[in-house]
Protein backbone atom coordinates (compact mmCIF):
# COMPACT_ATOMS: atom_id res chain seq x y z
CA MET A 1 215.36 -43.81 106.84
CA LYS A 2 218.77 -44.40 107.08
CA LEU A 3 219.97 -48.75 107.30
CA GLN A 4 222.36 -50.29 109.53
CA GLN A 5 222.97 -54.04 109.94
CA ARG A 6 225.39 -56.14 111.22
CA LEU A 7 227.15 -57.08 107.75
CA PRO A 8 227.96 -54.73 104.84
CA LEU A 9 224.81 -54.62 102.65
CA PRO A 10 225.86 -55.88 98.59
CA LEU A 11 224.39 -52.75 96.51
CA PRO A 12 223.24 -53.60 92.73
CA VAL A 13 224.92 -51.80 89.70
CA SER A 14 221.39 -52.36 87.75
CA CYS A 15 217.92 -52.20 88.84
CA GLY A 16 217.73 -56.15 88.94
CA PHE A 17 219.01 -58.99 91.11
CA ARG A 18 222.20 -59.66 90.65
CA SER A 19 224.87 -61.95 92.31
CA SER A 20 226.98 -60.89 94.80
CA ALA A 21 229.90 -61.71 93.07
CA HIS A 22 229.22 -58.45 90.62
CA LEU A 23 227.85 -56.09 93.37
CA PRO A 24 229.69 -53.01 94.08
CA HIS A 25 230.79 -51.54 97.48
CA THR A 26 230.83 -48.31 97.14
CA LEU A 27 228.74 -44.79 97.15
CA GLN A 28 228.89 -44.51 93.13
CA GLY A 29 227.20 -48.33 92.94
CA ILE A 30 224.58 -46.53 95.52
CA ALA A 31 223.97 -43.22 93.10
CA GLU A 32 224.23 -45.58 89.92
CA ALA A 33 221.58 -48.09 91.19
CA LYS A 34 218.84 -44.81 92.03
CA LEU A 35 218.45 -43.75 88.51
CA GLY A 36 215.35 -45.27 87.30
CA CYS A 37 214.85 -47.64 90.31
CA GLU A 38 211.95 -46.29 91.47
CA GLU A 39 209.59 -46.93 88.56
CA PHE A 40 211.36 -50.29 88.01
CA VAL A 41 210.61 -51.35 91.33
CA ALA A 42 206.94 -49.84 91.12
CA LYS A 43 206.37 -52.15 88.09
CA LEU A 44 207.62 -55.09 90.27
CA LEU A 45 205.43 -54.57 92.53
CA ASP A 46 202.41 -54.00 90.43
CA ARG A 47 201.51 -57.81 90.91
CA ARG A 48 199.04 -60.20 92.79
CA TRP A 49 200.25 -60.44 97.21
CA THR A 50 199.48 -62.87 99.52
CA LEU A 51 198.83 -60.07 101.88
CA PRO A 52 195.87 -57.63 100.75
CA SER A 53 197.89 -54.92 102.12
CA PRO A 54 201.16 -53.76 103.57
CA ASP A 55 199.65 -52.40 105.94
CA THR A 56 201.24 -53.09 109.66
CA ARG A 57 200.99 -51.81 113.55
CA ILE A 58 203.65 -49.73 114.90
CA GLN A 59 204.07 -49.15 118.68
CA GLN A 60 207.23 -47.06 120.31
CA ILE A 61 208.42 -48.03 123.34
CA VAL A 62 209.48 -45.43 125.80
CA SER A 63 212.24 -45.42 128.20
CA ALA A 64 211.81 -43.71 131.60
CA PRO A 65 213.91 -43.05 134.26
CA LYS A 66 213.29 -44.71 137.74
CA ARG A 67 214.76 -45.04 141.39
CA ILE A 68 215.49 -48.70 142.58
CA GLU A 69 216.59 -48.47 146.61
CA GLU A 70 218.48 -51.62 147.42
CA GLU A 71 220.78 -51.76 151.15
CA ASP A 72 223.45 -49.45 149.56
CA GLY A 73 221.67 -46.83 148.61
CA LEU A 74 219.59 -45.71 145.81
CA LEU A 75 220.10 -46.70 142.13
CA LYS A 76 218.80 -45.26 138.78
CA ASP A 77 217.91 -47.57 136.52
CA LYS A 78 214.96 -47.45 133.46
CA SER A 79 211.37 -48.59 132.74
CA TRP A 80 209.95 -49.11 129.83
CA PHE A 81 206.48 -48.20 128.72
CA ASN A 82 204.31 -49.44 125.79
CA ILE A 83 202.53 -47.31 123.55
CA PRO A 84 200.51 -48.98 121.24
CA ASN A 85 199.84 -46.45 118.62
CA PRO A 86 202.65 -43.72 118.26
CA LEU A 87 202.90 -40.15 117.10
CA LEU A 88 204.15 -41.09 113.28
CA GLY A 89 205.21 -38.49 110.13
CA ASP A 90 205.94 -35.30 110.77
CA LYS A 91 205.26 -35.79 114.76
CA ILE A 92 207.81 -37.89 115.03
CA THR A 93 210.63 -36.06 116.59
CA ASP A 94 214.31 -36.31 118.06
CA LYS A 95 213.78 -33.92 121.87
CA SER A 96 213.73 -36.74 124.19
CA GLY A 97 217.19 -38.46 122.88
CA PRO A 98 218.52 -41.35 120.45
CA ASP A 99 217.89 -43.80 123.36
CA SER A 100 215.09 -42.96 124.96
CA SER A 101 212.52 -44.99 122.28
CA PHE A 102 212.29 -47.39 119.68
CA TYR A 103 209.64 -48.79 117.28
CA VAL A 104 208.67 -52.04 116.90
CA ILE A 105 207.21 -53.36 113.04
CA ARG A 106 204.39 -55.55 114.51
CA ASP A 107 204.61 -57.99 111.46
CA ASP A 108 204.72 -60.71 114.11
CA LEU A 109 200.49 -60.04 114.02
CA LEU A 110 199.95 -60.49 110.18
CA HIS A 111 199.32 -64.15 110.88
CA PRO A 112 198.84 -66.45 114.37
CA LEU A 113 201.36 -69.63 113.23
CA ILE A 114 204.01 -67.73 110.87
CA ASN A 115 206.24 -65.79 111.97
CA GLY A 116 206.24 -61.69 110.57
CA ASN A 117 209.43 -61.87 108.07
CA LYS A 118 208.12 -64.91 106.71
CA VAL A 119 205.25 -63.37 105.85
CA ARG A 120 206.67 -60.83 104.28
CA LYS A 121 209.22 -63.22 102.25
CA LEU A 122 206.09 -65.19 101.29
CA ASP A 123 203.94 -62.59 100.14
CA ALA A 124 205.08 -61.96 96.24
CA VAL A 125 205.89 -66.19 96.46
CA LEU A 126 202.68 -67.62 97.12
CA PRO A 127 200.55 -65.92 94.18
CA LEU A 128 203.37 -66.92 91.68
CA LEU A 129 202.72 -70.75 92.78
CA GLU A 130 199.24 -70.80 92.37
CA ASP A 131 199.46 -68.79 89.42
CA HIS A 132 201.90 -71.45 87.33
CA SER A 133 199.45 -74.37 89.06
CA VAL A 134 202.62 -75.86 91.21
CA THR A 135 201.35 -78.56 93.37
CA ASP A 136 204.20 -79.56 95.45
CA VAL A 137 206.99 -76.87 97.45
CA VAL A 138 209.71 -78.72 98.92
CA THR A 139 212.36 -76.47 100.84
CA CYS A 140 214.66 -77.47 104.52
CA GLY A 141 215.40 -75.91 107.36
CA GLY A 142 216.24 -77.05 111.32
CA CYS A 143 214.37 -79.02 113.52
CA GLN A 144 212.77 -75.85 114.61
CA SER A 145 212.62 -73.89 111.75
CA ALA A 146 210.13 -70.94 111.71
CA HIS A 147 210.59 -70.59 107.48
CA ALA A 148 209.73 -74.75 107.12
CA ALA A 149 206.31 -74.06 109.64
CA ALA A 150 205.26 -70.73 107.45
CA VAL A 151 205.60 -72.79 104.55
CA ALA A 152 203.65 -75.61 105.50
CA VAL A 153 200.74 -73.64 106.70
CA SER A 154 200.90 -71.38 103.79
CA CYS A 155 201.05 -74.56 101.64
CA ALA A 156 198.19 -76.12 103.51
CA GLU A 157 195.88 -72.79 103.45
CA ARG A 158 196.11 -72.83 99.69
CA GLY A 159 195.44 -76.74 98.78
CA LEU A 160 199.20 -77.43 97.99
CA ARG A 161 201.43 -79.87 99.55
CA SER A 162 204.52 -78.87 101.34
CA HIS A 163 207.68 -81.30 102.10
CA LEU A 164 209.83 -79.99 104.50
CA LEU A 165 213.15 -81.59 104.89
CA LEU A 166 214.48 -80.67 108.60
CA ARG A 167 218.08 -81.29 109.92
CA GLY A 168 218.87 -83.70 112.45
CA GLU A 169 217.06 -86.26 114.02
CA GLN A 170 213.03 -86.53 115.32
CA PRO A 171 212.84 -85.06 119.00
CA ASP A 172 211.17 -87.08 121.43
CA ILE A 173 208.21 -84.55 122.18
CA LEU A 174 207.08 -82.13 119.28
CA THR A 175 207.03 -78.48 120.23
CA GLY A 176 207.02 -75.08 118.69
CA TYR A 177 207.49 -74.31 114.90
CA ASN A 178 208.06 -78.44 114.72
CA LEU A 179 204.86 -79.53 115.87
CA ILE A 180 203.56 -77.05 113.39
CA SER A 181 205.34 -78.00 110.37
CA THR A 182 204.47 -82.02 110.88
CA MET A 183 201.01 -80.66 111.65
CA TYR A 184 200.40 -79.00 108.12
CA GLY A 185 203.38 -80.49 106.18
CA ASN A 186 205.22 -83.62 105.24
CA VAL A 187 208.12 -84.02 107.37
CA LYS A 188 211.22 -85.74 106.72
CA TYR A 189 214.37 -85.94 109.09
CA VAL A 190 217.68 -85.63 107.22
CA PRO A 191 221.63 -86.24 109.11
CA ARG A 192 223.34 -83.58 109.43
CA SER A 193 225.88 -85.07 107.13
CA VAL A 194 223.43 -85.20 104.29
CA TYR A 195 222.03 -81.92 105.12
CA ALA A 196 225.20 -80.11 104.66
CA ASN A 197 224.85 -80.42 100.53
CA ARG A 198 221.55 -79.33 101.15
CA GLU A 199 221.17 -77.62 97.59
CA GLU A 200 221.73 -80.94 96.23
CA THR A 201 219.50 -83.16 98.66
CA LEU A 202 216.73 -81.01 97.89
CA LYS A 203 217.17 -81.40 94.30
CA THR A 204 217.28 -85.39 94.73
CA TYR A 205 214.19 -85.29 97.06
CA ALA A 206 212.24 -82.71 94.73
CA SER A 207 212.79 -85.37 91.64
CA SER A 208 211.17 -88.73 93.96
CA VAL A 209 208.29 -85.97 94.67
CA ALA A 210 208.06 -85.17 91.01
CA GLY A 211 208.28 -88.61 89.81
CA GLY A 212 207.79 -89.96 86.45
CA ASN A 213 205.07 -87.78 85.10
CA GLY A 214 205.89 -84.91 87.04
CA CYS A 215 208.82 -82.19 86.59
CA VAL A 216 211.04 -79.87 89.06
CA LEU A 217 211.24 -75.70 89.15
CA SER A 218 213.39 -73.39 91.28
CA LEU A 219 211.76 -70.37 91.78
CA SER A 220 213.67 -68.74 89.80
CA ASP A 221 212.72 -70.85 86.89
CA ILE A 222 208.98 -69.93 87.23
CA LEU A 223 209.93 -66.41 87.83
CA GLU A 224 212.09 -65.89 84.47
CA ALA A 225 209.87 -68.02 81.84
CA PRO A 226 206.53 -67.21 80.40
CA LEU A 227 203.73 -68.34 82.25
CA THR A 228 202.67 -70.94 79.85
CA GLU A 229 206.32 -72.42 79.40
CA GLN A 230 208.98 -73.54 81.46
CA ILE A 231 212.66 -74.65 81.78
CA VAL A 232 211.87 -77.68 83.61
CA SER A 233 214.16 -80.74 84.90
CA SER A 234 213.64 -84.22 86.55
CA SER A 235 214.82 -87.42 86.86
CA HIS A 236 214.49 -88.07 83.16
CA PRO A 237 216.23 -85.00 82.04
CA ILE A 238 214.62 -82.64 79.51
CA SER A 239 216.09 -80.54 76.90
CA THR A 240 216.04 -76.75 77.91
CA SER A 241 217.07 -75.12 74.66
CA MET A 242 213.43 -72.90 73.62
CA ASP A 243 212.70 -75.11 70.82
CA ASP A 244 211.88 -77.81 73.46
CA GLN A 245 210.77 -76.38 76.15
CA ARG A 246 207.28 -78.04 77.67
CA SER A 247 204.39 -76.54 79.12
CA LEU A 248 203.48 -76.90 82.38
CA GLY A 249 200.23 -78.45 82.33
CA ASN A 250 201.55 -81.62 80.58
CA PHE A 251 202.74 -82.74 84.02
CA SER A 252 200.92 -84.00 86.57
CA ARG A 253 203.15 -82.43 89.77
CA LYS A 254 204.74 -79.35 89.10
CA VAL A 255 207.21 -79.05 92.80
CA VAL A 256 209.16 -76.41 93.24
CA ILE A 257 212.22 -75.97 95.49
CA MET A 258 212.02 -73.17 97.87
CA ASN A 259 215.63 -71.96 99.41
CA GLU A 260 216.24 -72.12 102.73
CA GLY A 261 214.96 -69.32 104.63
CA ALA A 262 212.86 -68.96 101.63
CA GLY A 263 216.59 -66.93 100.12
CA ASP A 264 215.16 -66.38 96.50
CA SER A 265 214.90 -62.96 94.80
CA ILE A 266 211.28 -63.20 94.23
CA ALA A 267 211.23 -63.48 98.34
CA LEU A 268 213.02 -59.56 98.62
CA LEU A 269 209.35 -57.61 96.89
CA GLY A 270 207.90 -58.46 100.01
CA VAL A 271 210.20 -56.89 102.28
CA ILE A 272 211.02 -54.28 99.33
CA ARG A 273 207.07 -54.04 99.39
CA LEU A 274 207.29 -53.29 103.39
CA VAL A 275 209.71 -50.28 103.07
CA HIS A 276 207.74 -48.53 100.59
CA HIS A 277 204.74 -48.39 102.99
CA LEU A 278 207.02 -47.40 105.33
CA SER A 279 208.66 -44.72 104.15
CA GLN A 280 205.30 -42.96 103.73
CA SER A 281 205.01 -39.43 104.85
CA HIS A 282 202.58 -40.07 107.69
CA LEU A 283 204.78 -43.40 109.01
CA LEU A 284 208.54 -43.24 108.94
CA GLY A 285 208.76 -41.28 106.08
CA LYS A 286 212.51 -40.86 104.50
CA GLU A 287 213.62 -38.00 105.48
CA LYS A 288 214.28 -39.08 109.54
CA ALA A 289 217.14 -41.28 110.16
CA MET A 290 215.99 -44.27 110.91
CA LYS A 291 218.46 -47.39 112.09
CA PHE A 292 216.91 -50.39 111.65
CA VAL A 293 217.49 -53.69 114.20
CA VAL A 294 217.01 -57.15 112.03
CA ASP A 295 217.84 -60.36 112.98
CA ALA A 296 219.07 -62.20 110.04
CA GLY A 297 219.78 -66.10 108.90
CA THR A 298 220.02 -66.26 104.49
CA GLY A 299 219.77 -62.34 104.99
CA THR A 300 217.40 -62.37 102.75
CA THR A 301 215.19 -59.79 105.14
CA ALA A 302 218.15 -57.52 105.40
CA VAL A 303 218.66 -57.67 102.07
CA GLY A 304 215.46 -56.65 100.74
CA LEU A 305 215.05 -53.90 103.28
CA GLY A 306 218.74 -52.63 102.15
CA LEU A 307 217.22 -52.58 98.72
CA GLY A 308 213.93 -50.79 99.68
CA ALA A 309 215.51 -48.01 101.29
CA ILE A 310 217.83 -47.36 98.28
CA TYR A 311 215.35 -48.22 95.76
CA PHE A 312 212.76 -45.49 97.23
CA GLY A 313 215.10 -42.64 97.90
CA CYS A 314 216.02 -43.19 101.27
CA SER A 315 219.84 -42.97 102.64
CA PRO A 316 221.40 -46.32 103.37
CA GLY A 317 223.47 -45.81 107.19
CA LYS A 318 227.57 -45.63 106.40
CA SER A 319 228.49 -46.78 110.08
CA LEU A 320 227.67 -50.50 111.15
CA LEU A 321 226.24 -51.91 114.02
C-alpha cells in the first residue's frame, strides 16, 4: 500500500514520536523505522478506544464511458457508478486501468455529527481524558471548525465541559459546525490578532477556566506521566520536580489543552489504528500499490497514515501528488 501526499512526510529514526527537526527524509530512515516497530506499535494500540472497532465502510466509485450528443457532434465523457460492497482483498485487480475507479473510506458515517477523520483523531484521546479524570477541555479553531464541533459533541457525550476558542467574529446567523459547537460547547470568539498567538491564548484561557484550585495540562503531559501523578501548571506556579509532582485528584478542575485540529501525538494513534485495519489481507492488504488522497489542515491525519504505512510494512510512495 503506497501513500502519496502533497508534502513530504517526516519519517522517524526510532519508533517514538519525535519533532520534525530531528526526522530523516531518506530511505535509510524508513528502513531503520521498520525494525521492531510493528511490535512496538502493537503495544501502543493495546489500549481503550472510543470506537468499539476500527472497521469502516469501503465503497468503490467506477467510471464508465458515455456519449453526450451536442450540436457540434458527439463528445465522449464519463459517468460514475457507486459500488457499495466492492470486491476487496485478493479480488482487487488492476485490469481496468488506474483511472477507472477509486475507493472511498466512509469514515463520514462513523458518527452523525462528527466529521470522519475527526473521529479517528479523538479515538485514543477521549479514553485518556476519562482515565485521568479530566473535567474540561480547551481547544481552538476557525469559526466553522469541524475539529471544534467534534470536541464539543464528544465531550458532551461523556459529561466533560468543552471550551472552544473560535477565530474571528460571531456570525449573525449560526450555521453548520459553528451551530453545533455553540449547542454542545462553550464558545468564545477570539479576534484574529489574538488568535495568531494561539498557543499563549490557549494557556491563558485554560488557566482562567482552572481557577485557583484547578490545574492545566497538555495532552503530552498526561500521555507521558503516570496515571496517579502529573506535572501540572496553573496560574499559580507549581514545582515540576519529580519530588513535588501533585496528584491529579487534589484539584477540583482538571483542564486539558488540545491543540488546533487535535495536532497532538496521541491523536496519531487513531489514524495508525485505521491503517492497521485497512492493511489486512481481506481488505486493502499490503501488497497492492495504493495512493491515498487526503485533505490536510494540521497534517495530523496525513502523518498518521504515513507512520502506519511504515510501521505495518506498507511501502510509502516516492513521488508526490
